[in-house]
PDB file of N, CA and C in Angstrom:
ATOM      1  N   UNK A   1      24.384   6.936  -1.958  1.00  0.00           N
ATOM      2  CA  UNK A   1      23.483   5.804  -2.131  1.00  0.00           C
ATOM      3  C   UNK A   1      22.124   6.327  -2.597  1.00  0.00           C
ATOM      4  N   UNK A   2      21.512   5.630  -3.540  1.00  0.00           N
ATOM      5  CA  UNK A   2      20.219   6.025  -4.091  1.00  0.00           C
ATOM      6  C   UNK A   2      19.108   5.746  -3.082  1.00  0.00           C
ATOM      7  N   UNK A   3      18.089   6.594  -3.117  1.00  0.00           N
ATOM      8  CA  UNK A   3      16.914   6.387  -2.282  1.00  0.00           C
ATOM      9  C   UNK A   3      16.158   5.173  -2.810  1.00  0.00           C
ATOM     10  N   UNK A   4      15.777   4.242  -1.939  1.00  0.00           N
ATOM     11  CA  UNK A   4      15.037   3.068  -2.412  1.00  0.00           C
ATOM     12  C   UNK A   4      13.693   3.464  -3.011  1.00  0.00           C
ATOM     13  N   UNK A   5      13.227   2.655  -3.934  1.00  0.00           N
ATOM     14  CA  UNK A   5      11.894   2.845  -4.502  1.00  0.00           C
ATOM     15  C   UNK A   5      10.941   1.952  -3.713  1.00  0.00           C
ATOM     16  N   UNK A   6       9.974   2.578  -3.085  1.00  0.00           N
ATOM     17  CA  UNK A   6       8.960   1.837  -2.341  1.00  0.00           C
ATOM     18  C   UNK A   6       7.797   1.545  -3.268  1.00  0.00           C
ATOM     19  N   UNK A   7       6.994   0.593  -2.899  1.00  0.00           N
ATOM     20  CA  UNK A   7       5.870   0.157  -3.731  1.00  0.00           C
ATOM     21  C   UNK A   7       4.555   0.589  -3.108  1.00  0.00           C
ATOM     22  N   UNK A   8       3.533   0.724  -3.969  1.00  0.00           N
ATOM     23  CA  UNK A   8       2.183   0.956  -3.460  1.00  0.00           C
ATOM     24  C   UNK A   8       1.850  -0.174  -2.487  1.00  0.00           C
ATOM     25  N   UNK A   9       1.224   0.172  -1.390  1.00  0.00           N
ATOM     26  CA  UNK A   9       0.780  -0.701  -0.302  1.00  0.00           C
ATOM     27  C   UNK A   9       1.882  -1.011   0.703  1.00  0.00           C
ATOM     28  N   UNK A  10       3.085  -0.459   0.506  1.00  0.00           N
ATOM     29  CA  UNK A  10       4.109  -0.570   1.548  1.00  0.00           C
ATOM     30  C   UNK A  10       3.698   0.303   2.730  1.00  0.00           C
ATOM     31  N   UNK A  11       3.934  -0.194   3.919  1.00  0.00           N
ATOM     32  CA  UNK A  11       3.758   0.584   5.143  1.00  0.00           C
ATOM     33  C   UNK A  11       5.151   1.054   5.550  1.00  0.00           C
ATOM     34  N   UNK A  12       5.293   2.364   5.731  1.00  0.00           N
ATOM     35  CA  UNK A  12       6.601   2.955   5.990  1.00  0.00           C
ATOM     36  C   UNK A  12       6.543   3.854   7.221  1.00  0.00           C
ATOM     37  N   UNK A  13       7.706   4.142   7.774  1.00  0.00           N
ATOM     38  CA  UNK A  13       7.832   5.130   8.849  1.00  0.00           C
ATOM     39  C   UNK A  13       8.263   6.441   8.200  1.00  0.00           C
ATOM     40  N   UNK A  14       7.531   7.510   8.522  1.00  0.00           N
ATOM     41  CA  UNK A  14       7.774   8.790   7.859  1.00  0.00           C
ATOM     42  C   UNK A  14       7.346   9.924   8.790  1.00  0.00           C
ATOM     43  N   UNK A  15       8.007  11.082   8.714  1.00  0.00           N
ATOM     44  CA  UNK A  15       7.495  12.249   9.439  1.00  0.00           C
ATOM     45  C   UNK A  15       6.264  12.770   8.695  1.00  0.00           C
ATOM     46  N   UNK A  16       5.087  12.491   9.221  1.00  0.00           N
ATOM     47  CA  UNK A  16       3.832  12.836   8.553  1.00  0.00           C
ATOM     48  C   UNK A  16       3.444  14.251   8.957  1.00  0.00           C
ATOM     49  N   UNK A  17       3.201  15.131   7.991  1.00  0.00           N
ATOM     50  CA  UNK A  17       2.887  16.532   8.335  1.00  0.00           C
ATOM     51  C   UNK A  17       1.502  16.688   8.951  1.00  0.00           C
ATOM     52  N   UNK A  18       1.408  17.575   9.911  1.00  0.00           N
ATOM     53  CA  UNK A  18       0.119  17.937  10.497  1.00  0.00           C
ATOM     54  C   UNK A  18      -0.653  18.778   9.499  1.00  0.00           C
ATOM     55  N   UNK A  19      -1.964  18.637   9.471  1.00  0.00           N
ATOM     56  CA  UNK A  19      -2.780  19.487   8.606  1.00  0.00           C
ATOM     57  C   UNK A  19      -2.929  20.882   9.206  1.00  0.00           C
ATOM     58  N   UNK A  20      -2.673  21.022  10.506  1.00  0.00           N
ATOM     59  CA  UNK A  20      -2.891  22.286  11.199  1.00  0.00           C
ATOM     60  C   UNK A  20      -1.674  23.202  11.197  1.00  0.00           C
ATOM     61  N   UNK A  21      -0.563  22.815  10.597  1.00  0.00           N
ATOM     62  CA  UNK A  21       0.608  23.680  10.637  1.00  0.00           C
ATOM     63  C   UNK A  21       1.789  23.063   9.925  1.00  0.00           C
ATOM     64  N   UNK A  22       2.977  23.542  10.291  1.00  0.00           N
ATOM     65  CA  UNK A  22       4.173  23.099   9.585  1.00  0.00           C
ATOM     66  C   UNK A  22       4.961  22.030  10.348  1.00  0.00           C
ATOM     67  N   UNK A  23       4.383  21.474  11.393  1.00  0.00           N
ATOM     68  CA  UNK A  23       5.057  20.417  12.150  1.00  0.00           C
ATOM     69  C   UNK A  23       4.786  19.060  11.521  1.00  0.00           C
ATOM     70  N   UNK A  24       5.590  18.075  11.907  1.00  0.00           N
ATOM     71  CA  UNK A  24       5.390  16.703  11.439  1.00  0.00           C
ATOM     72  C   UNK A  24       5.640  15.763  12.610  1.00  0.00           C
ATOM     73  N   UNK A  25       4.991  14.610  12.574  1.00  0.00           N
ATOM     74  CA  UNK A  25       5.155  13.597  13.611  1.00  0.00           C
ATOM     75  C   UNK A  25       5.546  12.293  12.937  1.00  0.00           C
ATOM     76  N   UNK A  26       6.582  11.642  13.467  1.00  0.00           N
ATOM     77  CA  UNK A  26       6.992  10.355  12.921  1.00  0.00           C
ATOM     78  C   UNK A  26       5.901   9.338  13.211  1.00  0.00           C
ATOM     79  N   UNK A  27       5.461   8.663  12.153  1.00  0.00           N
ATOM     80  CA  UNK A  27       4.374   7.704  12.304  1.00  0.00           C
ATOM     81  C   UNK A  27       4.391   6.756  11.121  1.00  0.00           C
ATOM     82  N   UNK A  28       3.653   5.654  11.235  1.00  0.00           N
ATOM     83  CA  UNK A  28       3.499   4.802  10.058  1.00  0.00           C
ATOM     84  C   UNK A  28       2.558   5.458   9.060  1.00  0.00           C
ATOM     85  N   UNK A  29       2.793   5.175   7.796  1.00  0.00           N
ATOM     86  CA  UNK A  29       1.941   5.677   6.723  1.00  0.00           C
ATOM     87  C   UNK A  29       1.918   4.633   5.618  1.00  0.00           C
ATOM     88  N   UNK A  30       0.879   4.690   4.819  1.00  0.00           N
ATOM     89  CA  UNK A  30       0.698   3.749   3.726  1.00  0.00           C
ATOM     90  C   UNK A  30       0.980   4.447   2.404  1.00  0.00           C
ATOM     91  N   UNK A  31       1.872   3.890   1.614  1.00  0.00           N
ATOM     92  CA  UNK A  31       2.129   4.445   0.287  1.00  0.00           C
ATOM     93  C   UNK A  31       0.954   4.087  -0.610  1.00  0.00           C
ATOM     94  N   UNK A  32       0.329   5.118  -1.193  1.00  0.00           N
ATOM     95  CA  UNK A  32      -0.839   4.903  -2.052  1.00  0.00           C
ATOM     96  C   UNK A  32      -0.575   5.313  -3.501  1.00  0.00           C
ATOM     97  N   UNK A  33       0.568   5.899  -3.768  1.00  0.00           N
ATOM     98  CA  UNK A  33       0.903   6.274  -5.147  1.00  0.00           C
ATOM     99  C   UNK A  33       1.634   5.119  -5.829  1.00  0.00           C
ATOM    100  N   UNK A  34       1.615   5.179  -7.145  1.00  0.00           N
ATOM    101  CA  UNK A  34       2.323   4.181  -7.939  1.00  0.00           C
ATOM    102  C   UNK A  34       3.790   4.535  -8.095  1.00  0.00           C
ATOM    103  N   UNK A  35       4.524   3.633  -8.692  1.00  0.00           N
ATOM    104  CA  UNK A  35       5.964   3.770  -8.865  1.00  0.00           C
ATOM    105  C   UNK A  35       6.344   4.987  -9.730  1.00  0.00           C
ATOM    106  N   UNK A  36       5.495   5.363 -10.690  1.00  0.00           N
ATOM    107  CA  UNK A  36       5.842   6.440 -11.623  1.00  0.00           C
ATOM    108  C   UNK A  36       6.128   7.758 -10.903  1.00  0.00           C
ATOM    109  N   UNK A  37       5.359   8.090  -9.865  1.00  0.00           N
ATOM    110  CA  UNK A  37       5.568   9.339  -9.136  1.00  0.00           C
ATOM    111  C   UNK A  37       6.959   9.366  -8.500  1.00  0.00           C
ATOM    112  N   UNK A  38       7.375   8.259  -7.922  1.00  0.00           N
ATOM    113  CA  UNK A  38       8.699   8.179  -7.300  1.00  0.00           C
ATOM    114  C   UNK A  38       9.802   8.246  -8.357  1.00  0.00           C
ATOM    115  N   UNK A  39       9.611   7.549  -9.450  1.00  0.00           N
ATOM    116  CA  UNK A  39      10.639   7.524 -10.486  1.00  0.00           C
ATOM    117  C   UNK A  39      10.802   8.886 -11.160  1.00  0.00           C
ATOM    118  N   UNK A  40       9.698   9.584 -11.392  1.00  0.00           N
ATOM    119  CA  UNK A  40       9.760  10.866 -12.101  1.00  0.00           C
ATOM    120  C   UNK A  40      10.108  12.047 -11.205  1.00  0.00           C
ATOM    121  N   UNK A  41       9.627  12.004  -9.958  1.00  0.00           N
ATOM    122  CA  UNK A  41       9.764  13.183  -9.098  1.00  0.00           C
ATOM    123  C   UNK A  41      10.370  12.904  -7.727  1.00  0.00           C
ATOM    124  N   UNK A  42      10.610  11.641  -7.386  1.00  0.00           N
ATOM    125  CA  UNK A  42      11.149  11.319  -6.064  1.00  0.00           C
ATOM    126  C   UNK A  42      10.146  11.534  -4.950  1.00  0.00           C
ATOM    127  N   UNK A  43       8.838  11.484  -5.292  1.00  0.00           N
ATOM    128  CA  UNK A  43       7.769  11.761  -4.330  1.00  0.00           C
ATOM    129  C   UNK A  43       6.859  10.554  -4.154  1.00  0.00           C
ATOM    130  N   UNK A  44       6.187  10.530  -2.996  1.00  0.00           N
ATOM    131  CA  UNK A  44       5.194   9.497  -2.689  1.00  0.00           C
ATOM    132  C   UNK A  44       3.970  10.159  -2.090  1.00  0.00           C
ATOM    133  N   UNK A  45       2.804   9.639  -2.428  1.00  0.00           N
ATOM    134  CA  UNK A  45       1.577   9.996  -1.720  1.00  0.00           C
ATOM    135  C   UNK A  45       1.398   8.954  -0.642  1.00  0.00           C
ATOM    136  N   UNK A  46       1.200   9.406   0.593  1.00  0.00           N
ATOM    137  CA  UNK A  46       1.042   8.492   1.715  1.00  0.00           C
ATOM    138  C   UNK A  46      -0.220   8.834   2.492  1.00  0.00           C
ATOM    139  N   UNK A  47      -0.890   7.798   2.967  1.00  0.00           N
ATOM    140  CA  UNK A  47      -2.072   7.959   3.813  1.00  0.00           C
ATOM    141  C   UNK A  47      -1.667   7.706   5.261  1.00  0.00           C
ATOM    142  N   UNK A  48      -2.195   8.514   6.144  1.00  0.00           N
ATOM    143  CA  UNK A  48      -1.886   8.384   7.560  1.00  0.00           C
ATOM    144  C   UNK A  48      -2.364   7.043   8.105  1.00  0.00           C
ATOM    145  N   UNK A  49      -1.572   6.467   8.975  1.00  0.00           N
ATOM    146  CA  UNK A  49      -1.977   5.307   9.773  1.00  0.00           C
ATOM    147  C   UNK A  49      -1.949   5.755  11.221  1.00  0.00           C
ATOM    148  N   UNK A  50      -3.025   5.459  11.935  1.00  0.00           N
ATOM    149  CA  UNK A  50      -3.126   5.852  13.337  1.00  0.00           C
ATOM    150  C   UNK A  50      -3.691   4.695  14.153  1.00  0.00           C
ATOM    151  N   UNK A  51      -3.606   4.806  15.444  1.00  0.00           N
ATOM    152  CA  UNK A  51      -4.094   3.762  16.338  1.00  0.00           C
ATOM    153  C   UNK A  51      -5.600   3.558  16.182  1.00  0.00           C
ATOM    154  N   UNK A  52      -6.026   2.326  16.230  1.00  0.00           N
ATOM    155  CA  UNK A  52      -7.456   2.003  16.151  1.00  0.00           C
ATOM    156  C   UNK A  52      -8.201   2.512  17.380  1.00  0.00           C
ATOM    157  N   UNK A  53      -7.484   2.872  18.433  1.00  0.00           N
ATOM    158  CA  UNK A  53      -8.113   3.386  19.650  1.00  0.00           C
ATOM    159  C   UNK A  53      -8.573   4.832  19.511  1.00  0.00           C
ATOM    160  N   UNK A  54      -8.068   5.547  18.494  1.00  0.00           N
ATOM    161  CA  UNK A  54      -8.472   6.936  18.284  1.00  0.00           C
ATOM    162  C   UNK A  54      -9.919   6.994  17.804  1.00  0.00           C
ATOM    163  N   UNK A  55     -10.531   8.156  17.965  1.00  0.00           N
ATOM    164  CA  UNK A  55     -11.906   8.350  17.496  1.00  0.00           C
ATOM    165  C   UNK A  55     -11.973   8.043  16.002  1.00  0.00           C
ATOM    166  N   UNK A  56     -12.887   7.155  15.595  1.00  0.00           N
ATOM    167  CA  UNK A  56     -12.930   6.772  14.172  1.00  0.00           C
ATOM    168  C   UNK A  56     -13.451   7.900  13.284  1.00  0.00           C
ATOM    169  N   UNK A  57     -12.969   7.881  12.047  1.00  0.00           N
ATOM    170  CA  UNK A  57     -13.436   8.774  11.005  1.00  0.00           C
ATOM    171  C   UNK A  57     -14.129   7.935   9.945  1.00  0.00           C
ATOM    172  N   UNK A  58     -15.050   8.555   9.231  1.00  0.00           N
ATOM    173  CA  UNK A  58     -15.692   7.886   8.105  1.00  0.00           C
ATOM    174  C   UNK A  58     -14.609   7.480   7.100  1.00  0.00           C
ATOM    175  N   UNK A  59     -14.693   6.299   6.595  1.00  0.00           N
ATOM    176  CA  UNK A  59     -13.763   5.728   5.618  1.00  0.00           C
ATOM    177  C   UNK A  59     -12.420   5.300   6.206  1.00  0.00           C
ATOM    178  N   UNK A  60     -12.253   5.280   7.530  1.00  0.00           N
ATOM    179  CA  UNK A  60     -11.073   4.626   8.102  1.00  0.00           C
ATOM    180  C   UNK A  60     -11.128   3.153   7.734  1.00  0.00           C
ATOM    181  N   UNK A  61      -9.982   2.564   7.487  1.00  0.00           N
ATOM    182  CA  UNK A  61      -9.899   1.137   7.168  1.00  0.00           C
ATOM    183  C   UNK A  61      -9.068   0.464   8.253  1.00  0.00           C
ATOM    184  N   UNK A  62      -9.688  -0.476   8.960  1.00  0.00           N
ATOM    185  CA  UNK A  62      -8.998  -1.189  10.040  1.00  0.00           C
ATOM    186  C   UNK A  62      -7.941  -2.115   9.462  1.00  0.00           C
ATOM    187  N   UNK A  63      -6.777  -2.125  10.108  1.00  0.00           N
ATOM    188  CA  UNK A  63      -5.708  -3.060   9.735  1.00  0.00           C
ATOM    189  C   UNK A  63      -5.148  -3.684  10.998  1.00  0.00           C
ATOM    190  N   UNK A  64      -4.865  -4.961  10.900  1.00  0.00           N
ATOM    191  CA  UNK A  64      -4.373  -5.694  12.064  1.00  0.00           C
ATOM    192  C   UNK A  64      -2.869  -5.509  12.249  1.00  0.00           C
ATOM    193  N   UNK A  65      -2.455  -5.602  13.487  1.00  0.00           N
ATOM    194  CA  UNK A  65      -1.034  -5.594  13.806  1.00  0.00           C
ATOM    195  C   UNK A  65      -0.449  -6.938  13.410  1.00  0.00           C
ATOM    196  N   UNK A  66       0.860  -6.988  13.247  1.00  0.00           N
ATOM    197  CA  UNK A  66       1.507  -8.257  12.977  1.00  0.00           C
ATOM    198  C   UNK A  66       2.766  -8.100  12.152  1.00  0.00           C
ATOM    199  N   UNK A  67       3.436  -9.226  11.950  1.00  0.00           N
ATOM    200  CA  UNK A  67       4.707  -9.231  11.236  1.00  0.00           C
ATOM    201  C   UNK A  67       4.558  -8.745   9.798  1.00  0.00           C
ATOM    202  N   UNK A  68       3.451  -9.079   9.129  1.00  0.00           N
ATOM    203  CA  UNK A  68       3.285  -8.691   7.728  1.00  0.00           C
ATOM    204  C   UNK A  68       3.189  -7.167   7.576  1.00  0.00           C
ATOM    205  N   UNK A  69       2.424  -6.526   8.459  1.00  0.00           N
ATOM    206  CA  UNK A  69       2.262  -5.075   8.367  1.00  0.00           C
ATOM    207  C   UNK A  69       3.384  -4.318   9.072  1.00  0.00           C
ATOM    208  N   UNK A  70       4.032  -4.958  10.037  1.00  0.00           N
ATOM    209  CA  UNK A  70       5.065  -4.287  10.811  1.00  0.00           C
ATOM    210  C   UNK A  70       4.511  -3.348  11.864  1.00  0.00           C
ATOM    211  N   UNK A  71       3.217  -3.444  12.121  1.00  0.00           N
ATOM    212  CA  UNK A  71       2.573  -2.568  13.106  1.00  0.00           C
ATOM    213  C   UNK A  71       2.441  -3.287  14.442  1.00  0.00           C
ATOM    214  N   UNK A  72       2.799  -2.630  15.542  1.00  0.00           N
ATOM    215  CA  UNK A  72       2.747  -3.289  16.845  1.00  0.00           C
ATOM    216  C   UNK A  72       1.347  -3.356  17.461  1.00  0.00           C
ATOM    217  N   UNK A  73       0.428  -2.497  16.983  1.00  0.00           N
ATOM    218  CA  UNK A  73      -0.937  -2.470  17.542  1.00  0.00           C
ATOM    219  C   UNK A  73      -1.949  -2.365  16.405  1.00  0.00           C
ATOM    220  N   UNK A  74      -3.202  -2.733  16.704  1.00  0.00           N
ATOM    221  CA  UNK A  74      -4.279  -2.569  15.728  1.00  0.00           C
ATOM    222  C   UNK A  74      -4.359  -1.095  15.339  1.00  0.00           C
ATOM    223  N   UNK A  75      -4.517  -0.842  14.044  1.00  0.00           N
ATOM    224  CA  UNK A  75      -4.462   0.523  13.522  1.00  0.00           C
ATOM    225  C   UNK A  75      -5.526   0.725  12.462  1.00  0.00           C
ATOM    226  N   UNK A  76      -5.594   1.953  11.958  1.00  0.00           N
ATOM    227  CA  UNK A  76      -6.468   2.259  10.827  1.00  0.00           C
ATOM    228  C   UNK A  76      -5.698   3.098   9.824  1.00  0.00           C
ATOM    229  N   UNK A  77      -6.024   2.885   8.549  1.00  0.00           N
ATOM    230  CA  UNK A  77      -5.566   3.797   7.504  1.00  0.00           C
ATOM    231  C   UNK A  77      -6.608   4.901   7.432  1.00  0.00           C
ATOM    232  N   UNK A  78      -6.176   6.116   7.613  1.00  0.00           N
ATOM    233  CA  UNK A  78      -7.072   7.269   7.579  1.00  0.00           C
ATOM    234  C   UNK A  78      -7.025   7.838   6.155  1.00  0.00           C
ATOM    235  N   UNK A  79      -7.933   7.339   5.313  1.00  0.00           N
ATOM    236  CA  UNK A  79      -7.938   7.690   3.887  1.00  0.00           C
ATOM    237  C   UNK A  79      -8.147   9.176   3.641  1.00  0.00           C
ATOM    238  N   UNK A  80      -8.720   9.886   4.591  1.00  0.00           N
ATOM    239  CA  UNK A  80      -8.962  11.316   4.433  1.00  0.00           C
ATOM    240  C   UNK A  80      -7.696  12.147   4.624  1.00  0.00           C
ATOM    241  N   UNK A  81      -6.634  11.546   5.150  1.00  0.00           N
ATOM    242  CA  UNK A  81      -5.405  12.303   5.411  1.00  0.00           C
ATOM    243  C   UNK A  81      -4.286  11.760   4.532  1.00  0.00           C
ATOM    244  N   UNK A  82      -4.059  12.472   3.435  1.00  0.00           N
ATOM    245  CA  UNK A  82      -3.036  12.124   2.457  1.00  0.00           C
ATOM    246  C   UNK A  82      -1.986  13.234   2.463  1.00  0.00           C
ATOM    247  N   UNK A  83      -0.720  12.845   2.339  1.00  0.00           N
ATOM    248  CA  UNK A  83       0.368  13.823   2.245  1.00  0.00           C
ATOM    249  C   UNK A  83       1.300  13.408   1.116  1.00  0.00           C
ATOM    250  N   UNK A  84       2.050  14.366   0.622  1.00  0.00           N
ATOM    251  CA  UNK A  84       3.106  14.092  -0.342  1.00  0.00           C
ATOM    252  C   UNK A  84       4.429  14.240   0.390  1.00  0.00           C
ATOM    253  N   UNK A  85       5.262  13.208   0.312  1.00  0.00           N
ATOM    254  CA  UNK A  85       6.570  13.245   0.971  1.00  0.00           C
ATOM    255  C   UNK A  85       7.659  12.879  -0.025  1.00  0.00           C
ATOM    256  N   UNK A  86       8.822  13.464   0.171  1.00  0.00           N
ATOM    257  CA  UNK A  86       9.984  13.097  -0.640  1.00  0.00           C
ATOM    258  C   UNK A  86      10.471  11.718  -0.209  1.00  0.00           C
ATOM    259  N   UNK A  87      10.976  10.969  -1.162  1.00  0.00           N
ATOM    260  CA  UNK A  87      11.468   9.630  -0.863  1.00  0.00           C
ATOM    261  C   UNK A  87      12.567   9.606   0.181  1.00  0.00           C
ATOM    262  N   UNK A  88      13.418  10.633   0.215  1.00  0.00           N
ATOM    263  CA  UNK A  88      14.505  10.649   1.191  1.00  0.00           C
ATOM    264  C   UNK A  88      14.023  10.949   2.609  1.00  0.00           C
ATOM    265  N   UNK A  89      12.741  11.306   2.764  1.00  0.00           N
ATOM    266  CA  UNK A  89      12.169  11.526   4.093  1.00  0.00           C
ATOM    267  C   UNK A  89      11.611  10.238   4.706  1.00  0.00           C
ATOM    268  N   UNK A  90      11.423   9.223   3.880  1.00  0.00           N
ATOM    269  CA  UNK A  90      10.925   7.946   4.389  1.00  0.00           C
ATOM    270  C   UNK A  90      12.058   7.264   5.133  1.00  0.00           C
ATOM    271  N   UNK A  91      11.799   6.918   6.389  1.00  0.00           N
ATOM    272  CA  UNK A  91      12.852   6.361   7.235  1.00  0.00           C
ATOM    273  C   UNK A  91      13.121   4.897   6.945  1.00  0.00           C
ATOM    274  N   UNK A  92      12.037   4.125   6.755  1.00  0.00           N
ATOM    275  CA  UNK A  92      12.217   2.699   6.475  1.00  0.00           C
ATOM    276  C   UNK A  92      10.874   2.063   6.152  1.00  0.00           C
ATOM    277  N   UNK A  93      10.949   0.892   5.554  1.00  0.00           N
ATOM    278  CA  UNK A  93       9.756   0.095   5.274  1.00  0.00           C
ATOM    279  C   UNK A  93       9.454  -0.739   6.508  1.00  0.00           C
ATOM    280  N   UNK A  94       8.196  -0.722   6.950  1.00  0.00           N
ATOM    281  CA  UNK A  94       7.779  -1.511   8.109  1.00  0.00           C
ATOM    282  C   UNK A  94       7.161  -2.842   7.691  1.00  0.00           C
ATOM    283  N   UNK A  95       6.388  -2.826   6.604  1.00  0.00           N
ATOM    284  CA  UNK A  95       5.687  -4.021   6.158  1.00  0.00           C
ATOM    285  C   UNK A  95       4.842  -3.693   4.950  1.00  0.00           C
ATOM    286  N   UNK A  96       3.805  -4.495   4.754  1.00  0.00           N
ATOM    287  CA  UNK A  96       2.931  -4.317   3.596  1.00  0.00           C
ATOM    288  C   UNK A  96       1.491  -4.585   4.000  1.00  0.00           C
ATOM    289  N   UNK A  97       0.576  -3.857   3.376  1.00  0.00           N
ATOM    290  CA  UNK A  97      -0.841  -4.029   3.635  1.00  0.00           C
ATOM    291  C   UNK A  97      -1.330  -5.339   3.024  1.00  0.00           C
ATOM    292  N   UNK A  98      -2.194  -6.036   3.747  1.00  0.00           N
ATOM    293  CA  UNK A  98      -2.760  -7.302   3.252  1.00  0.00           C
ATOM    294  C   UNK A  98      -3.718  -7.032   2.099  1.00  0.00           C
ATOM    295  N   UNK A  99      -3.886  -8.004   1.223  1.00  0.00           N
ATOM    296  CA  UNK A  99      -4.648  -7.790  -0.013  1.00  0.00           C
ATOM    297  C   UNK A  99      -6.103  -7.392   0.241  1.00  0.00           C
ATOM    298  N   UNK A 100      -6.772  -8.008   1.218  1.00  0.00           N
ATOM    299  CA  UNK A 100      -8.179  -7.643   1.446  1.00  0.00           C
ATOM    300  C   UNK A 100      -8.304  -6.225   1.998  1.00  0.00           C
ATOM    301  N   UNK A 101      -7.305  -5.753   2.727  1.00  0.00           N
ATOM    302  CA  UNK A 101      -7.319  -4.390   3.245  1.00  0.00           C
ATOM    303  C   UNK A 101      -7.015  -3.384   2.129  1.00  0.00           C
ATOM    304  N   UNK A 102      -6.224  -3.798   1.141  1.00  0.00           N
ATOM    305  CA  UNK A 102      -5.911  -2.931   0.002  1.00  0.00           C
ATOM    306  C   UNK A 102      -7.184  -2.528  -0.728  1.00  0.00           C
ATOM    307  N   UNK A 103      -8.059  -3.488  -0.951  1.00  0.00           N
ATOM    308  CA  UNK A 103      -9.305  -3.208  -1.677  1.00  0.00           C
ATOM    309  C   UNK A 103     -10.155  -2.181  -0.928  1.00  0.00           C
ATOM    310  N   UNK A 104     -10.184  -2.267   0.391  1.00  0.00           N
ATOM    311  CA  UNK A 104     -10.963  -1.322   1.191  1.00  0.00           C
ATOM    312  C   UNK A 104     -10.360   0.084   1.146  1.00  0.00           C
ATOM    313  N   UNK A 105      -9.038   0.172   1.231  1.00  0.00           N
ATOM    314  CA  UNK A 105      -8.372   1.469   1.143  1.00  0.00           C
ATOM    315  C   UNK A 105      -8.586   2.062  -0.251  1.00  0.00           C
ATOM    316  N   UNK A 106      -8.432   1.241  -1.271  1.00  0.00           N
ATOM    317  CA  UNK A 106      -8.616   1.705  -2.648  1.00  0.00           C
ATOM    318  C   UNK A 106     -10.019   2.286  -2.835  1.00  0.00           C
ATOM    319  N   UNK A 107     -11.025   1.602  -2.338  1.00  0.00           N
ATOM    320  CA  UNK A 107     -12.408   2.084  -2.455  1.00  0.00           C
ATOM    321  C   UNK A 107     -12.592   3.406  -1.710  1.00  0.00           C
ATOM    322  N   UNK A 108     -12.011   3.527  -0.522  1.00  0.00           N
ATOM    323  CA  UNK A 108     -12.132   4.772   0.244  1.00  0.00           C
ATOM    324  C   UNK A 108     -11.465   5.927  -0.501  1.00  0.00           C
ATOM    325  N   UNK A 109     -10.305   5.692  -1.068  1.00  0.00           N
ATOM    326  CA  UNK A 109      -9.616   6.746  -1.822  1.00  0.00           C
ATOM    327  C   UNK A 109     -10.425   7.158  -3.044  1.00  0.00           C
ATOM    328  N   UNK A 110     -10.998   6.195  -3.735  1.00  0.00           N
ATOM    329  CA  UNK A 110     -11.806   6.517  -4.909  1.00  0.00           C
ATOM    330  C   UNK A 110     -13.019   7.371  -4.546  1.00  0.00           C
ATOM    331  N   UNK A 111     -13.610   7.125  -3.389  1.00  0.00           N
ATOM    332  CA  UNK A 111     -14.741   7.957  -2.960  1.00  0.00           C
ATOM    333  C   UNK A 111     -14.301   9.410  -2.829  1.00  0.00           C
ATOM    334  N   UNK A 112     -13.111   9.655  -2.276  1.00  0.00           N
ATOM    335  CA  UNK A 112     -12.634  11.015  -2.123  1.00  0.00           C
ATOM    336  C   UNK A 112     -12.188  11.615  -3.438  1.00  0.00           C
ATOM    337  N   UNK A 113     -11.760  10.799  -4.368  1.00  0.00           N
ATOM    338  CA  UNK A 113     -11.362  11.284  -5.683  1.00  0.00           C
ATOM    339  C   UNK A 113     -12.534  11.450  -6.634  1.00  0.00           C
ATOM    340  N   UNK A 114     -13.705  11.029  -6.203  1.00  0.00           N
ATOM    341  CA  UNK A 114     -14.893  11.158  -7.025  1.00  0.00           C
ATOM    342  C   UNK A 114     -15.124  10.001  -7.974  1.00  0.00           C
ATOM    343  N   UNK A 115     -14.425   8.887  -7.758  1.00  0.00           N
ATOM    344  CA  UNK A 115     -14.550   7.736  -8.652  1.00  0.00           C
ATOM    345  C   UNK A 115     -15.638   6.761  -8.266  1.00  0.00           C
ATOM    346  N   UNK A 116     -16.160   6.884  -7.044  1.00  0.00           N
ATOM    347  CA  UNK A 116     -17.192   5.968  -6.555  1.00  0.00           C
ATOM    348  C   UNK A 116     -18.195   6.780  -5.760  1.00  0.00           C
ATOM    349  N   UNK A 117     -19.478   6.529  -5.907  1.00  0.00           N
ATOM    350  CA  UNK A 117     -20.451   7.282  -5.109  1.00  0.00           C
ATOM    351  C   UNK A 117     -20.194   7.104  -3.618  1.00  0.00           C
ATOM    352  N   UNK A 118     -20.436   8.147  -2.831  1.00  0.00           N
ATOM    353  CA  UNK A 118     -20.267   8.053  -1.382  1.00  0.00           C
ATOM    354  C   UNK A 118     -21.401   7.240  -0.792  1.00  0.00           C
ATOM    355  N   UNK A 119     -21.122   6.667   0.355  1.00  0.00           N
ATOM    356  CA  UNK A 119     -22.120   5.847   1.053  1.00  0.00           C
ATOM    357  C   UNK A 119     -23.154   6.721   1.708  1.00  0.00           C
TER     358      UNK A 119
END
């Protein structure tokens, strides 16, 4: 069976790699890459999603829990933590980011990519 193609702004369950080593933790993540990366290489860029109760980082984007996102608790997209994962490592789609939250995540990513002046 072919690996499904996920879309930008899908929230998925994935083993997200730690920045401190070679371990990974299953967690929700936000797909931030476009379809071309998956079609050409079978890869996705994903941003970490973590509990809103954790210590906030600059450029975290708050997202609400609910049926649309598939998240059981209030969370944040941690735009500073991006990973590349193979499509076959994505366990399942949980939901999708709401449109107003997409704009905030997009702006945070652009700041790190150098496309928008930092605050």
